[in-house]
N, C-alpha and C. Protein backbone atom coordinates (compact mmCIF):
# COMPACT_ATOMS: atom_id res chain seq x y z
N MET A 1 40.12 1.13 8.07
CA MET A 1 38.82 1.28 8.76
C MET A 1 37.80 1.95 7.72
N ALA A 2 36.63 1.43 7.71
CA ALA A 2 35.62 1.93 6.74
C ALA A 2 35.12 3.20 7.13
N ARG A 3 34.80 4.08 6.11
CA ARG A 3 34.25 5.36 6.37
C ARG A 3 32.83 5.31 6.78
N PRO A 4 32.33 6.14 7.70
CA PRO A 4 30.93 6.07 8.05
C PRO A 4 30.07 6.60 6.76
N ARG A 5 28.86 6.10 6.83
CA ARG A 5 27.96 6.45 5.73
C ARG A 5 27.60 7.89 5.91
N GLU A 6 27.55 8.68 4.80
CA GLU A 6 27.35 10.10 4.89
C GLU A 6 25.99 10.49 4.42
N PHE A 7 25.07 9.53 4.42
CA PHE A 7 23.64 9.94 4.15
C PHE A 7 22.75 8.99 4.98
N ASP A 8 21.42 9.58 5.09
CA ASP A 8 20.40 8.86 5.80
C ASP A 8 19.74 7.80 4.93
N ILE A 9 19.86 6.56 5.34
CA ILE A 9 19.24 5.42 4.61
C ILE A 9 17.74 5.70 4.34
N ASP A 10 16.98 6.02 5.37
CA ASP A 10 15.52 6.21 5.31
C ASP A 10 15.21 7.40 4.21
N GLU A 11 15.94 8.40 4.20
CA GLU A 11 15.78 9.53 3.20
C GLU A 11 16.02 8.95 1.77
N VAL A 12 17.03 8.18 1.65
CA VAL A 12 17.31 7.59 0.33
C VAL A 12 16.16 6.67 -0.15
N LEU A 13 15.72 5.90 0.88
CA LEU A 13 14.62 5.00 0.50
C LEU A 13 13.38 5.72 0.06
N VAL A 14 13.05 6.77 0.78
CA VAL A 14 11.86 7.67 0.49
C VAL A 14 11.99 8.26 -0.91
N LYS A 15 13.21 8.76 -1.23
CA LYS A 15 13.33 9.33 -2.54
C LYS A 15 13.43 8.29 -3.67
N SER A 16 14.00 7.18 -3.42
CA SER A 16 14.07 6.09 -4.39
C SER A 16 12.64 5.56 -4.62
N MET A 17 11.84 5.46 -3.52
CA MET A 17 10.53 4.92 -3.52
C MET A 17 9.61 5.79 -4.41
N GLN A 18 9.84 7.13 -4.33
CA GLN A 18 9.12 8.10 -5.14
C GLN A 18 9.36 7.80 -6.57
N VAL A 19 10.65 7.62 -6.95
CA VAL A 19 10.98 7.43 -8.40
C VAL A 19 10.39 6.08 -8.84
N PHE A 20 10.53 5.02 -8.11
CA PHE A 20 9.97 3.64 -8.48
C PHE A 20 8.44 3.78 -8.64
N TRP A 21 7.78 4.55 -7.78
CA TRP A 21 6.34 4.73 -7.70
C TRP A 21 5.91 5.49 -8.93
N SER A 22 6.68 6.48 -9.39
CA SER A 22 6.27 7.30 -10.55
C SER A 22 6.66 6.57 -11.92
N GLU A 23 7.76 5.95 -11.88
CA GLU A 23 8.34 5.39 -13.18
C GLU A 23 8.24 3.84 -13.29
N GLY A 24 7.90 3.19 -12.31
CA GLY A 24 7.93 1.71 -12.21
C GLY A 24 9.34 1.16 -12.19
N TYR A 25 9.43 -0.19 -11.83
CA TYR A 25 10.78 -0.74 -11.76
C TYR A 25 11.58 -0.65 -13.06
N ASP A 26 10.93 -1.18 -14.11
CA ASP A 26 11.60 -1.20 -15.40
C ASP A 26 11.88 0.20 -15.96
N GLY A 27 11.01 1.12 -15.64
CA GLY A 27 11.29 2.51 -16.18
C GLY A 27 12.16 3.36 -15.37
N THR A 28 12.72 2.89 -14.28
CA THR A 28 13.68 3.53 -13.40
C THR A 28 15.13 3.15 -13.66
N SER A 29 15.93 4.11 -13.94
CA SER A 29 17.35 3.83 -14.30
C SER A 29 18.16 4.14 -13.01
N LEU A 30 19.40 3.68 -12.88
CA LEU A 30 20.27 4.04 -11.87
C LEU A 30 20.50 5.67 -11.90
N SER A 31 20.53 6.20 -13.15
CA SER A 31 20.76 7.60 -13.20
C SER A 31 19.58 8.37 -12.53
N ASP A 32 18.31 7.78 -12.67
CA ASP A 32 17.14 8.44 -12.05
C ASP A 32 17.32 8.46 -10.55
N ILE A 33 17.78 7.37 -10.07
CA ILE A 33 17.96 7.19 -8.60
C ILE A 33 19.14 8.09 -8.06
N MET A 34 20.13 8.23 -8.91
CA MET A 34 21.28 9.05 -8.52
C MET A 34 20.84 10.49 -8.47
N GLU A 35 19.99 10.98 -9.46
CA GLU A 35 19.56 12.29 -9.51
C GLU A 35 18.58 12.61 -8.28
N ALA A 36 17.62 11.63 -7.99
CA ALA A 36 16.69 11.80 -6.87
C ALA A 36 17.39 11.84 -5.54
N THR A 37 18.40 10.95 -5.35
CA THR A 37 19.07 10.86 -4.01
C THR A 37 20.31 11.83 -3.95
N LYS A 38 20.81 12.32 -5.00
CA LYS A 38 22.02 13.08 -5.05
C LYS A 38 23.24 12.23 -4.54
N LEU A 39 23.06 10.97 -4.85
CA LEU A 39 24.25 10.06 -4.52
C LEU A 39 24.94 9.56 -5.71
N GLN A 40 26.19 9.16 -5.70
CA GLN A 40 26.95 8.65 -6.72
C GLN A 40 26.66 7.09 -6.82
N LYS A 41 26.94 6.49 -7.96
CA LYS A 41 26.68 5.08 -8.15
C LYS A 41 27.37 4.24 -7.05
N GLY A 42 28.56 4.57 -6.80
CA GLY A 42 29.31 3.73 -5.74
C GLY A 42 28.68 3.72 -4.35
N SER A 43 28.17 4.85 -3.96
CA SER A 43 27.42 4.89 -2.70
C SER A 43 26.16 4.12 -2.72
N ILE A 44 25.46 4.08 -3.81
CA ILE A 44 24.26 3.43 -3.88
C ILE A 44 24.48 1.90 -3.83
N TYR A 45 25.43 1.48 -4.67
CA TYR A 45 25.85 0.07 -4.74
C TYR A 45 26.45 -0.43 -3.39
N LYS A 46 27.13 0.44 -2.71
CA LYS A 46 27.72 0.05 -1.43
C LYS A 46 26.62 -0.21 -0.41
N ALA A 47 25.64 0.66 -0.43
CA ALA A 47 24.53 0.53 0.56
C ALA A 47 23.50 -0.55 0.15
N PHE A 48 23.28 -0.68 -1.19
CA PHE A 48 22.07 -1.60 -1.64
C PHE A 48 22.43 -2.71 -2.55
N LYS A 49 23.66 -2.77 -2.96
CA LYS A 49 24.25 -3.81 -3.82
C LYS A 49 23.80 -3.67 -5.30
N ASP A 50 22.52 -3.56 -5.53
CA ASP A 50 21.98 -3.33 -6.96
C ASP A 50 20.58 -2.73 -6.98
N LYS A 51 20.13 -2.37 -8.14
CA LYS A 51 18.80 -1.76 -8.30
C LYS A 51 17.72 -2.60 -7.66
N HIS A 52 17.72 -3.88 -7.81
CA HIS A 52 16.73 -4.79 -7.37
C HIS A 52 16.64 -4.68 -5.80
N SER A 53 17.83 -4.77 -5.19
CA SER A 53 17.86 -4.69 -3.67
C SER A 53 17.35 -3.32 -3.26
N LEU A 54 17.72 -2.23 -3.93
CA LEU A 54 17.18 -0.94 -3.54
C LEU A 54 15.57 -0.84 -3.72
N PHE A 55 15.05 -1.52 -4.83
CA PHE A 55 13.73 -1.57 -5.07
C PHE A 55 12.94 -2.31 -3.93
N LEU A 56 13.55 -3.42 -3.55
CA LEU A 56 12.92 -4.27 -2.44
C LEU A 56 12.91 -3.51 -1.14
N ALA A 57 13.95 -2.81 -0.84
CA ALA A 57 14.06 -1.96 0.31
C ALA A 57 13.11 -0.83 0.31
N SER A 58 12.91 -0.15 -0.86
CA SER A 58 12.01 0.86 -1.01
C SER A 58 10.50 0.40 -0.89
N LEU A 59 10.23 -0.83 -1.54
CA LEU A 59 8.89 -1.33 -1.37
C LEU A 59 8.66 -1.83 0.09
N GLU A 60 9.63 -2.31 0.71
CA GLU A 60 9.47 -2.67 2.16
C GLU A 60 9.12 -1.44 2.95
N HIS A 61 9.89 -0.37 2.73
CA HIS A 61 9.59 0.90 3.47
C HIS A 61 8.23 1.44 3.25
N TYR A 62 7.76 1.35 2.03
CA TYR A 62 6.45 1.69 1.66
C TYR A 62 5.36 0.85 2.37
N LEU A 63 5.57 -0.44 2.41
CA LEU A 63 4.70 -1.37 3.02
C LEU A 63 4.59 -1.15 4.52
N ARG A 64 5.73 -0.84 5.12
CA ARG A 64 5.81 -0.58 6.56
C ARG A 64 4.90 0.72 6.87
N MET A 65 5.07 1.75 6.09
CA MET A 65 4.26 2.89 6.23
C MET A 65 2.76 2.65 5.97
N ALA A 66 2.46 1.84 5.04
CA ALA A 66 1.13 1.47 4.72
C ALA A 66 0.51 0.62 5.90
N HIS A 67 1.28 -0.29 6.49
CA HIS A 67 0.81 -1.02 7.60
C HIS A 67 0.55 -0.21 8.85
N GLU A 68 1.38 0.80 9.06
CA GLU A 68 1.11 1.75 10.15
C GLU A 68 -0.19 2.54 9.91
N PHE A 69 -0.40 2.91 8.72
CA PHE A 69 -1.66 3.60 8.27
C PHE A 69 -2.81 2.70 8.55
N ASP A 70 -2.68 1.45 8.05
CA ASP A 70 -3.85 0.48 8.29
C ASP A 70 -4.17 0.25 9.68
N LYS A 71 -3.10 0.04 10.48
CA LYS A 71 -3.27 -0.29 11.92
C LYS A 71 -3.86 0.93 12.66
N LYS A 72 -3.45 2.10 12.30
CA LYS A 72 -3.94 3.38 12.97
C LYS A 72 -5.43 3.48 12.73
N HIS A 73 -5.83 3.12 11.55
CA HIS A 73 -7.31 3.24 11.21
C HIS A 73 -8.19 2.08 11.67
N LEU A 74 -7.65 0.93 11.66
CA LEU A 74 -8.44 -0.34 11.90
C LEU A 74 -8.39 -0.85 13.23
N ASP A 75 -7.33 -0.66 13.98
CA ASP A 75 -7.06 -1.43 15.19
C ASP A 75 -7.70 -0.68 16.42
N ASN A 76 -8.39 -1.35 17.28
CA ASN A 76 -8.94 -0.87 18.50
C ASN A 76 -9.80 0.38 18.41
N SER A 77 -10.72 0.43 17.44
CA SER A 77 -11.61 1.55 17.45
C SER A 77 -12.91 1.16 18.23
N ASN A 78 -13.55 2.21 18.77
CA ASN A 78 -14.83 1.94 19.34
C ASN A 78 -15.99 1.64 18.41
N SER A 79 -15.84 2.08 17.18
CA SER A 79 -16.85 1.86 16.11
C SER A 79 -16.10 1.22 14.89
N PRO A 80 -16.05 -0.04 14.85
CA PRO A 80 -15.33 -0.65 13.56
C PRO A 80 -15.93 -0.16 12.24
N LYS A 81 -17.27 0.02 12.29
CA LYS A 81 -17.91 0.64 11.07
C LYS A 81 -17.28 1.95 10.65
N LYS A 82 -17.22 2.89 11.66
CA LYS A 82 -16.55 4.23 11.32
C LYS A 82 -15.08 4.02 11.04
N ALA A 83 -14.45 3.08 11.61
CA ALA A 83 -13.00 2.81 11.39
C ALA A 83 -12.79 2.35 9.95
N ILE A 84 -13.51 1.34 9.55
CA ILE A 84 -13.40 0.90 8.12
C ILE A 84 -13.74 1.94 7.10
N HIS A 85 -14.83 2.67 7.41
CA HIS A 85 -15.26 3.86 6.60
C HIS A 85 -14.14 4.82 6.40
N SER A 86 -13.53 5.26 7.50
CA SER A 86 -12.44 6.17 7.53
C SER A 86 -11.18 5.71 6.77
N TRP A 87 -10.94 4.34 6.99
CA TRP A 87 -9.82 3.77 6.35
C TRP A 87 -9.90 3.71 4.80
N LEU A 88 -11.14 3.29 4.30
CA LEU A 88 -11.41 3.26 2.94
C LEU A 88 -11.29 4.57 2.26
N HIS A 89 -11.97 5.51 2.95
CA HIS A 89 -11.94 7.00 2.38
C HIS A 89 -10.64 7.60 2.40
N SER A 90 -9.86 7.37 3.49
CA SER A 90 -8.50 7.93 3.56
C SER A 90 -7.53 7.30 2.56
N ASP A 91 -7.71 6.03 2.33
CA ASP A 91 -6.89 5.31 1.34
C ASP A 91 -7.15 5.80 -0.05
N LEU A 92 -8.44 5.88 -0.40
CA LEU A 92 -8.79 6.40 -1.69
C LEU A 92 -8.45 7.91 -1.82
N LYS A 93 -8.62 8.69 -0.79
CA LYS A 93 -8.30 10.11 -0.95
C LYS A 93 -6.83 10.30 -1.13
N ALA A 94 -5.96 9.45 -0.53
CA ALA A 94 -4.59 9.57 -0.74
C ALA A 94 -4.14 9.27 -2.24
N VAL A 95 -4.87 8.28 -2.80
CA VAL A 95 -4.63 7.82 -4.17
C VAL A 95 -5.24 8.93 -5.15
N CYS A 96 -6.34 9.22 -4.89
CA CYS A 96 -7.13 10.13 -5.85
C CYS A 96 -6.69 11.55 -5.82
N GLY A 97 -6.06 11.83 -4.64
CA GLY A 97 -5.60 13.25 -4.41
C GLY A 97 -4.23 13.51 -5.14
N GLN A 98 -3.70 12.53 -5.82
CA GLN A 98 -2.29 12.70 -6.37
C GLN A 98 -2.40 13.54 -7.68
N THR A 99 -1.42 14.45 -7.86
CA THR A 99 -1.29 15.16 -9.01
C THR A 99 -1.09 14.33 -10.29
N LEU A 100 -0.17 13.40 -10.09
CA LEU A 100 0.08 12.33 -11.11
C LEU A 100 -0.72 11.20 -10.70
N LYS A 101 -1.49 10.61 -11.61
CA LYS A 101 -2.32 9.43 -11.25
C LYS A 101 -1.40 8.24 -11.34
N ARG A 102 -0.64 8.02 -10.22
CA ARG A 102 0.32 6.87 -10.21
C ARG A 102 -0.13 5.78 -9.33
N GLY A 103 -1.32 5.83 -8.78
CA GLY A 103 -1.90 4.77 -7.97
C GLY A 103 -1.22 4.47 -6.71
N CYS A 104 -0.95 3.17 -6.46
CA CYS A 104 -0.43 2.73 -5.23
C CYS A 104 0.85 1.94 -5.56
N LEU A 105 2.01 2.17 -4.91
CA LEU A 105 3.27 1.47 -5.23
C LEU A 105 3.04 0.01 -5.02
N MET A 106 2.32 -0.49 -4.06
CA MET A 106 2.19 -1.88 -3.82
C MET A 106 1.36 -2.46 -4.95
N ILE A 107 0.24 -1.92 -5.44
CA ILE A 107 -0.50 -2.43 -6.42
C ILE A 107 0.15 -2.32 -7.81
N ASN A 108 0.93 -1.24 -8.05
CA ASN A 108 1.64 -1.32 -9.25
C ASN A 108 2.68 -2.39 -9.30
N SER A 109 3.32 -2.51 -8.14
CA SER A 109 4.41 -3.65 -8.11
C SER A 109 3.72 -4.99 -8.24
N LEU A 110 2.56 -5.17 -7.69
CA LEU A 110 1.82 -6.43 -7.86
C LEU A 110 1.52 -6.72 -9.36
N ASN A 111 1.11 -5.67 -10.00
CA ASN A 111 0.70 -5.84 -11.40
C ASN A 111 1.97 -5.96 -12.33
N ASP A 112 3.07 -5.27 -11.93
CA ASP A 112 4.22 -5.18 -12.91
C ASP A 112 5.28 -6.22 -12.55
N ARG A 113 5.38 -6.56 -11.34
CA ARG A 113 6.53 -7.40 -10.97
C ARG A 113 6.32 -8.71 -10.23
N ALA A 114 5.21 -8.81 -9.48
CA ALA A 114 4.99 -9.95 -8.52
C ALA A 114 5.00 -11.24 -9.34
N TYR A 115 4.40 -11.32 -10.55
CA TYR A 115 4.25 -12.50 -11.33
C TYR A 115 5.62 -13.05 -11.70
N ARG A 116 6.68 -12.24 -11.72
CA ARG A 116 7.97 -12.69 -12.11
C ARG A 116 9.11 -12.53 -11.15
N ASP A 117 8.70 -12.10 -9.92
CA ASP A 117 9.72 -11.71 -8.87
C ASP A 117 9.17 -12.23 -7.54
N THR A 118 9.70 -13.32 -7.18
CA THR A 118 9.24 -13.96 -5.99
C THR A 118 9.36 -13.16 -4.72
N GLU A 119 10.48 -12.45 -4.63
CA GLU A 119 10.67 -11.55 -3.43
C GLU A 119 9.66 -10.48 -3.32
N VAL A 120 9.29 -9.88 -4.49
CA VAL A 120 8.29 -8.83 -4.54
C VAL A 120 6.95 -9.47 -4.15
N LYS A 121 6.59 -10.66 -4.77
CA LYS A 121 5.36 -11.38 -4.44
C LYS A 121 5.23 -11.63 -3.02
N ASN A 122 6.36 -12.13 -2.37
CA ASN A 122 6.31 -12.49 -0.93
C ASN A 122 6.09 -11.27 -0.11
N LEU A 123 6.83 -10.13 -0.30
CA LEU A 123 6.58 -8.98 0.41
C LEU A 123 5.11 -8.48 0.41
N ILE A 124 4.58 -8.52 -0.79
CA ILE A 124 3.11 -8.07 -0.93
C ILE A 124 2.21 -9.04 -0.32
N SER A 125 2.49 -10.35 -0.48
CA SER A 125 1.64 -11.30 0.12
C SER A 125 1.59 -11.19 1.64
N ASP A 126 2.70 -10.97 2.25
CA ASP A 126 2.83 -10.76 3.73
C ASP A 126 2.02 -9.61 4.09
N HIS A 127 2.17 -8.50 3.35
CA HIS A 127 1.44 -7.21 3.71
C HIS A 127 -0.08 -7.49 3.62
N ILE A 128 -0.49 -8.08 2.46
CA ILE A 128 -1.94 -8.28 2.38
C ILE A 128 -2.49 -9.20 3.42
N SER A 129 -1.72 -10.23 3.84
CA SER A 129 -2.08 -11.17 4.96
C SER A 129 -2.30 -10.40 6.25
N ALA A 130 -1.35 -9.49 6.53
CA ALA A 130 -1.37 -8.65 7.77
C ALA A 130 -2.70 -7.79 7.68
N LEU A 131 -2.91 -7.15 6.50
CA LEU A 131 -4.11 -6.31 6.41
C LEU A 131 -5.39 -7.10 6.55
N GLU A 132 -5.47 -8.33 5.90
CA GLU A 132 -6.64 -9.10 6.09
C GLU A 132 -6.90 -9.48 7.58
N LYS A 133 -5.87 -9.73 8.31
CA LYS A 133 -6.08 -10.04 9.83
C LYS A 133 -6.63 -8.66 10.52
N LEU A 134 -5.97 -7.56 10.25
CA LEU A 134 -6.53 -6.35 10.90
C LEU A 134 -8.00 -6.11 10.52
N LEU A 135 -8.30 -6.24 9.20
CA LEU A 135 -9.65 -6.02 8.74
C LEU A 135 -10.66 -7.00 9.31
N ALA A 136 -10.28 -8.26 9.33
CA ALA A 136 -11.06 -9.35 9.90
C ALA A 136 -11.39 -9.15 11.35
N LYS A 137 -10.38 -8.68 12.07
CA LYS A 137 -10.56 -8.39 13.51
C LYS A 137 -11.55 -7.27 13.71
N ALA A 138 -11.44 -6.24 12.86
CA ALA A 138 -12.38 -5.08 12.94
C ALA A 138 -13.79 -5.52 12.60
N ILE A 139 -13.96 -6.39 11.58
CA ILE A 139 -15.35 -6.89 11.23
C ILE A 139 -15.86 -7.71 12.37
N LYS A 140 -15.03 -8.58 13.02
CA LYS A 140 -15.58 -9.34 14.11
C LYS A 140 -15.94 -8.54 15.23
N ARG A 141 -15.23 -7.53 15.47
CA ARG A 141 -15.59 -6.63 16.55
C ARG A 141 -16.93 -5.94 16.25
N GLY A 142 -17.06 -5.52 14.92
CA GLY A 142 -18.32 -4.86 14.52
C GLY A 142 -19.49 -5.80 14.67
N GLN A 143 -19.29 -7.09 14.43
CA GLN A 143 -20.38 -8.08 14.61
C GLN A 143 -20.76 -8.17 16.03
N GLU A 144 -19.77 -8.19 16.89
CA GLU A 144 -20.04 -8.34 18.38
C GLU A 144 -20.87 -7.20 18.93
N ILE A 145 -20.64 -5.99 18.34
CA ILE A 145 -21.45 -4.84 18.92
C ILE A 145 -22.61 -4.45 17.95
N GLY A 146 -22.95 -5.32 17.01
CA GLY A 146 -24.11 -5.13 16.18
C GLY A 146 -23.93 -4.14 15.01
N GLU A 147 -22.78 -3.69 14.69
CA GLU A 147 -22.66 -2.82 13.57
C GLU A 147 -22.57 -3.59 12.27
N PHE A 148 -22.25 -4.83 12.27
CA PHE A 148 -22.17 -5.58 11.01
C PHE A 148 -23.05 -6.88 11.08
N ARG A 149 -23.43 -7.38 10.03
CA ARG A 149 -24.22 -8.53 9.98
C ARG A 149 -23.41 -9.67 10.59
N ASP A 150 -24.19 -10.62 11.28
CA ASP A 150 -23.58 -11.72 11.91
C ASP A 150 -23.52 -13.02 11.07
N ASP A 151 -24.05 -12.87 9.80
CA ASP A 151 -24.06 -14.08 8.92
C ASP A 151 -22.89 -13.98 7.89
N ILE A 152 -21.94 -13.11 8.15
CA ILE A 152 -20.76 -13.06 7.20
C ILE A 152 -19.52 -13.56 8.00
N LYS A 153 -18.58 -14.08 7.18
CA LYS A 153 -17.43 -14.54 7.73
C LYS A 153 -16.32 -13.42 7.70
N PRO A 154 -15.80 -13.05 8.86
CA PRO A 154 -14.82 -11.91 8.87
C PRO A 154 -13.70 -11.95 7.88
N THR A 155 -13.01 -13.22 7.90
CA THR A 155 -11.85 -13.29 6.98
C THR A 155 -12.17 -13.30 5.52
N GLU A 156 -13.31 -13.92 5.16
CA GLU A 156 -13.73 -13.92 3.83
C GLU A 156 -14.17 -12.52 3.36
N THR A 157 -14.92 -11.80 4.26
CA THR A 157 -15.33 -10.48 3.92
C THR A 157 -14.17 -9.53 3.83
N ALA A 158 -13.15 -9.73 4.70
CA ALA A 158 -11.95 -8.95 4.64
C ALA A 158 -11.24 -9.12 3.23
N LYS A 159 -11.20 -10.34 2.71
CA LYS A 159 -10.70 -10.60 1.40
C LYS A 159 -11.40 -9.89 0.33
N ILE A 160 -12.77 -9.91 0.47
CA ILE A 160 -13.66 -9.31 -0.57
C ILE A 160 -13.40 -7.76 -0.57
N ILE A 161 -13.39 -7.15 0.59
CA ILE A 161 -13.15 -5.69 0.82
C ILE A 161 -11.76 -5.30 0.14
N ILE A 162 -10.70 -6.05 0.47
CA ILE A 162 -9.40 -5.74 -0.15
C ILE A 162 -9.37 -5.92 -1.59
N SER A 163 -10.06 -6.89 -2.13
CA SER A 163 -10.05 -7.13 -3.52
C SER A 163 -10.77 -5.94 -4.24
N LEU A 164 -11.87 -5.53 -3.64
CA LEU A 164 -12.59 -4.32 -4.23
C LEU A 164 -11.75 -3.09 -4.14
N LEU A 165 -10.98 -2.88 -3.00
CA LEU A 165 -10.12 -1.68 -2.87
C LEU A 165 -9.06 -1.73 -3.95
N VAL A 166 -8.43 -2.85 -4.12
CA VAL A 166 -7.26 -2.97 -5.01
C VAL A 166 -7.87 -2.67 -6.44
N GLY A 167 -9.00 -3.25 -6.79
CA GLY A 167 -9.60 -2.92 -8.05
C GLY A 167 -9.92 -1.42 -8.19
N MET A 168 -10.48 -0.81 -7.17
CA MET A 168 -10.78 0.62 -7.35
C MET A 168 -9.59 1.51 -7.40
N ILE A 169 -8.49 1.20 -6.73
CA ILE A 169 -7.35 1.98 -6.76
C ILE A 169 -6.65 1.79 -8.17
N THR A 170 -6.73 0.57 -8.73
CA THR A 170 -6.21 0.37 -10.08
C THR A 170 -7.05 1.23 -11.07
N LEU A 171 -8.23 1.20 -10.96
CA LEU A 171 -9.12 1.91 -11.89
C LEU A 171 -9.06 3.49 -11.74
N THR A 172 -8.61 4.00 -10.54
CA THR A 172 -8.40 5.43 -10.38
C THR A 172 -7.36 5.88 -11.23
N LYS A 173 -6.50 5.11 -11.75
CA LYS A 173 -5.42 5.50 -12.61
C LYS A 173 -6.00 5.81 -14.02
N GLY A 174 -7.21 5.42 -14.23
CA GLY A 174 -7.79 5.58 -15.54
C GLY A 174 -9.20 6.06 -15.53
N PRO A 175 -10.19 5.14 -15.76
CA PRO A 175 -11.60 5.53 -15.97
C PRO A 175 -12.44 5.94 -14.77
N LEU A 176 -11.95 5.51 -13.55
CA LEU A 176 -12.83 5.71 -12.41
C LEU A 176 -12.56 7.07 -11.75
N SER A 177 -13.64 7.94 -11.62
CA SER A 177 -13.46 9.23 -11.11
C SER A 177 -13.50 9.13 -9.53
N ASN A 178 -13.06 10.22 -8.86
CA ASN A 178 -13.09 10.34 -7.46
C ASN A 178 -14.46 10.06 -6.85
N ASN A 179 -15.50 10.68 -7.52
CA ASN A 179 -16.84 10.62 -7.02
C ASN A 179 -17.41 9.15 -7.18
N GLN A 180 -17.04 8.55 -8.22
CA GLN A 180 -17.52 7.13 -8.47
C GLN A 180 -16.90 6.21 -7.46
N SER A 181 -15.62 6.41 -7.14
CA SER A 181 -14.91 5.57 -6.18
C SER A 181 -15.46 5.73 -4.78
N LEU A 182 -15.84 6.98 -4.44
CA LEU A 182 -16.45 7.20 -3.11
C LEU A 182 -17.77 6.59 -3.02
N LYS A 183 -18.56 6.55 -4.09
CA LYS A 183 -19.92 5.80 -4.14
C LYS A 183 -19.72 4.36 -3.89
N ILE A 184 -18.60 3.85 -4.54
CA ILE A 184 -18.37 2.39 -4.30
C ILE A 184 -17.98 2.06 -2.88
N VAL A 185 -17.20 2.89 -2.25
CA VAL A 185 -16.88 2.73 -0.86
C VAL A 185 -18.19 2.61 0.02
N ASN A 186 -19.15 3.56 -0.22
CA ASN A 186 -20.35 3.45 0.55
C ASN A 186 -21.15 2.20 0.31
N ASN A 187 -21.15 1.65 -0.99
CA ASN A 187 -21.72 0.45 -1.24
C ASN A 187 -21.06 -0.84 -0.63
N ILE A 188 -19.75 -0.63 -0.46
CA ILE A 188 -18.98 -1.82 0.22
C ILE A 188 -19.44 -1.86 1.59
N LEU A 189 -19.63 -0.81 2.28
CA LEU A 189 -20.00 -0.82 3.69
C LEU A 189 -21.51 -1.36 3.77
N LYS A 190 -22.32 -1.02 2.85
CA LYS A 190 -23.70 -1.46 2.91
C LYS A 190 -23.84 -3.02 2.91
N MET A 191 -22.76 -3.60 2.15
CA MET A 191 -22.68 -4.96 2.01
C MET A 191 -22.57 -5.77 3.40
N VAL A 192 -22.02 -5.10 4.36
CA VAL A 192 -21.69 -5.70 5.65
C VAL A 192 -22.60 -5.17 6.79
N GLU A 193 -23.42 -4.19 6.52
CA GLU A 193 -24.33 -3.64 7.62
C GLU A 193 -25.51 -4.49 7.74
N PRO A 194 -26.07 -4.52 8.98
CA PRO A 194 -27.28 -5.34 9.24
C PRO A 194 -28.47 -4.92 8.39
């Protein structure tokens, strides 16, 4: 009879996610994961098979949390304009408020792994597609109540906003200051206002 697992999978995913987020996939060793999770190699391999499987599970966990964050901010708000403003500011605040400038795990993975790892690419593509739908829905609602211009296409505008956000988050790891990024957020919203 198999022994029951003696650790919480979600806790292991969160701790592993933090290591991958700080060190990147290639910079993370099994020893780093063992130290962060306080698990032995056998326990990790039994639960996740290998480092790549653990990385995918950690990234999936991160993207689930990100989707909940996006949905909470963008879905069913009385004022889509305020909702998008709050979402952009909260997203940037979370990234800019980090002690270590490590950016966003999804964007880091997009830059470091997606071009050579189909599973990572698919996870991120699915997440971005879901975000585009949420954002396009908020933009359409904003058009219906007169908060946004009616001559813009919600889906295309959502893609532009996401592209700008990804670029800003990437630049916050280097030359873009918190104040500069907040000014850009305000300009993004001016793009869609009547």
